[in-house]
């Protein structure tokens, strides 16, 4: 999943989706300048950050 798809899934702006990918521990794989979100680990990551401002 890329950041545009993440933004759609979470109903946030693409800028906010990119900010989420820069949080330490975010389930991402960086390939050059491309960022891919690891879907299988996304729910766990979000659950760990419930109540936080991301």
Protein backbone atom coordinates (compact mmCIF):
# COMPACT_ATOMS: atom_id res chain seq x y z
CA UNK A 1 0.00 0.00 0.00
CA UNK A 2 1.33 3.46 -0.79
CA UNK A 3 0.70 6.73 1.05
CA UNK A 4 -2.15 7.75 -1.27
CA UNK A 5 -3.97 4.49 -0.53
CA UNK A 6 -3.23 4.89 3.19
CA UNK A 7 -4.79 8.37 3.09
CA UNK A 8 -7.94 6.96 1.51
CA UNK A 9 -8.11 4.06 3.99
CA UNK A 10 -7.72 6.31 7.03
CA UNK A 11 -9.74 9.20 5.55
CA UNK A 12 -6.90 11.69 6.05
CA UNK A 13 -4.96 13.95 3.72
CA UNK A 14 -1.98 12.56 1.82
CA UNK A 15 0.24 14.92 3.82
CA UNK A 16 -1.00 13.39 7.08
CA UNK A 17 -0.53 9.89 5.67
CA UNK A 18 3.10 10.79 4.88
CA UNK A 19 3.55 12.15 8.41
CA UNK A 20 2.35 8.84 9.82
CA UNK A 21 4.98 6.97 7.80
CA UNK A 22 7.73 9.04 9.45
CA UNK A 23 6.77 8.01 13.00
CA UNK A 24 9.34 5.73 14.57
CA UNK A 25 8.13 2.15 14.41
CA UNK A 26 5.71 2.79 11.54
CA UNK A 27 5.25 -0.37 9.45
CA UNK A 28 6.92 0.92 6.31
CA UNK A 29 9.39 -0.27 3.73
CA UNK A 30 11.37 2.44 1.99
CA UNK A 31 12.55 1.65 -1.53
CA UNK A 32 14.55 4.63 -2.70
CA UNK A 33 12.11 7.52 -2.43
CA UNK A 34 9.07 5.24 -2.51
CA UNK A 35 7.29 4.31 0.70
CA UNK A 36 5.23 1.15 1.06
CA UNK A 37 3.09 0.46 4.10
CA UNK A 38 3.06 -3.12 5.37
CA UNK A 39 -0.66 -3.79 5.62
CA UNK A 40 -0.34 -6.84 7.88
CA UNK A 41 1.29 -4.69 10.59
CA UNK A 42 -0.76 -1.51 10.14
CA UNK A 43 -3.61 -2.42 12.53
CA UNK A 44 -1.20 -3.29 15.33
CA UNK A 45 0.69 -0.02 14.82
CA UNK A 46 -2.53 2.02 14.93
CA UNK A 47 -3.77 0.17 18.02
CA UNK A 48 -0.49 0.93 19.81
CA UNK A 49 -1.04 4.65 19.14
CA UNK A 50 -4.71 4.96 20.16
CA UNK A 51 -5.28 8.27 21.91
CA UNK A 52 -2.09 9.86 20.59
CA UNK A 53 -1.88 12.74 18.18
CA UNK A 54 -0.02 11.41 15.17
